[in-house]
Amino acid sequence: MKLPDNQDLTNLLKEMPVKAPKGYHYEVTDFKRNVAAFWLCGGPTYLYNGGECARTIHSFYNYKKRVWYSPINSKRVGGEVAPEAIRPYSSMPLNLNPLMVALLT
């Protein structure tokens, strides 16, 4: 797919704030107008999908506004997320209780 300024969607991978984990890679697909879906691909292969690599939604990116969004699921965009809060496996925000925050810091 092409962006409005005639760029390829794969150029959006350069704007990804994190690198893919070892053994994984990211794919970009067109989702809605001005929004691209980033998929994390790789890991184990499963019999139910014909031996293809497993895919999970990682995040959504509005390339017109340059804003990242966490996914609710693969079909719904969630809330806005700061680029520094995005992790390699997911951009969903962590829901930590105060004890977990104290242990992780």
Protein backbone atom coordinates (compact mmCIF):
# COMPACT_ATOMS: atom_id res chain seq x y z
CA MET A 1 0.00 0.00 0.00
CA LYS A 2 1.08 3.58 -0.56
CA LEU A 3 0.90 6.53 1.78
CA PRO A 4 -0.73 9.75 0.53
CA ASP A 5 2.66 11.24 -0.29
CA ASN A 6 3.42 8.17 -2.45
CA GLN A 7 5.73 6.47 0.06
CA ASP A 8 5.66 2.77 0.76
CA LEU A 9 4.27 1.57 4.12
CA THR A 10 7.51 -0.28 4.85
CA ASN A 11 9.17 3.11 5.34
CA LEU A 12 7.10 3.41 8.51
CA LEU A 13 9.24 0.68 10.08
CA LYS A 14 11.98 3.30 10.43
CA GLU A 15 9.72 5.27 12.77
CA MET A 16 9.18 2.27 15.06
CA PRO A 17 10.53 3.27 18.52
CA VAL A 18 11.73 -0.28 19.34
CA LYS A 19 13.58 -3.07 17.56
CA ALA A 20 11.98 -6.48 17.03
CA PRO A 21 13.02 -9.18 19.52
CA LYS A 22 15.44 -11.86 18.37
CA GLY A 23 13.68 -14.32 16.07
CA TYR A 24 10.80 -11.92 15.32
CA HIS A 25 10.11 -9.17 12.79
CA TYR A 26 7.50 -6.48 12.24
CA GLU A 27 5.09 -6.23 9.32
CA VAL A 28 3.08 -3.15 8.40
CA THR A 29 -0.37 -3.30 6.83
CA ASP A 30 -2.84 -0.62 5.86
CA PHE A 31 -5.62 -0.50 8.46
CA LYS A 32 -7.80 2.57 7.90
CA ARG A 33 -7.34 5.96 6.35
CA ASN A 34 -4.10 7.45 7.73
CA VAL A 35 -3.65 4.49 10.12
CA ALA A 36 -1.23 1.59 9.72
CA ALA A 37 -1.24 -1.63 11.74
CA PHE A 38 2.07 -3.02 13.01
CA TRP A 39 2.18 -6.79 13.45
CA LEU A 40 4.77 -8.77 15.41
CA CYS A 41 5.58 -11.91 13.42
CA GLY A 42 7.71 -14.89 14.26
CA GLY A 43 8.16 -17.32 17.08
CA PRO A 44 6.92 -20.89 16.92
CA THR A 45 5.04 -22.26 13.93
CA TYR A 46 1.68 -23.92 14.47
CA LEU A 47 -0.11 -26.64 12.54
CA TYR A 48 -3.43 -24.81 12.40
CA ASN A 49 -2.12 -22.03 10.15
CA GLY A 50 -0.35 -24.16 7.59
CA GLY A 51 3.12 -23.74 9.06
CA GLU A 52 3.16 -19.96 8.64
CA CYS A 53 4.68 -17.86 11.39
CA ALA A 54 2.38 -16.63 14.14
CA ARG A 55 1.24 -12.98 14.00
CA THR A 56 -0.02 -10.73 16.75
CA ILE A 57 -1.07 -7.10 16.61
CA HIS A 58 1.59 -4.85 18.12
CA SER A 59 0.35 -1.30 17.62
CA PHE A 60 -1.38 1.19 15.36
CA TYR A 61 0.25 4.33 13.96
CA ASN A 62 -1.51 7.40 12.56
CA TYR A 63 1.09 8.57 10.06
CA LYS A 64 -0.68 11.85 9.39
CA LYS A 65 -0.66 12.92 13.06
CA ARG A 66 2.46 10.86 13.92
CA VAL A 67 0.75 9.29 16.95
CA TRP A 68 1.03 5.71 18.27
CA TYR A 69 -1.98 3.80 19.61
CA SER A 70 -2.23 0.59 21.61
CA PRO A 71 -4.60 -2.06 20.27
CA ILE A 72 -7.78 -3.23 21.96
CA ASN A 73 -7.75 -6.15 19.53
CA SER A 74 -6.69 -6.56 15.90
CA LYS A 75 -9.75 -4.66 14.64
CA ARG A 76 -10.03 -1.82 17.20
CA VAL A 77 -7.63 1.01 17.97
CA GLY A 78 -7.14 1.78 21.65
CA GLY A 79 -5.75 4.78 23.46
CA GLU A 80 -2.81 6.93 22.53
CA VAL A 81 0.54 5.71 23.84
CA ALA A 82 3.84 7.57 24.22
CA PRO A 83 6.68 6.21 22.04
CA GLU A 84 8.91 5.66 25.10
CA ALA A 85 6.19 3.45 26.67
CA ILE A 86 6.17 1.01 23.73
CA ARG A 87 7.85 -2.32 24.43
CA PRO A 88 9.22 -4.80 21.84
CA TYR A 89 6.44 -7.37 22.28
CA SER A 90 3.45 -5.04 22.74
CA SER A 91 2.40 -1.42 22.99
CA MET A 92 -0.41 -2.18 25.44
CA PRO A 93 0.05 -0.24 28.68
CA LEU A 94 1.00 -2.16 31.79
CA ASN A 95 -1.66 -2.24 34.50
CA LEU A 96 0.52 -2.48 37.61
CA ASN A 97 -0.58 -2.22 41.22
CA PRO A 98 1.57 -0.12 43.62
CA LEU A 99 3.44 -3.16 44.93
CA MET A 100 4.42 -4.25 41.41
CA VAL A 101 5.60 -0.73 40.61
CA ALA A 102 7.78 -0.72 43.76
CA LEU A 103 9.31 -4.07 42.85
CA LEU A 104 10.02 -3.14 39.22
CA THR A 105 11.73 0.18 39.97
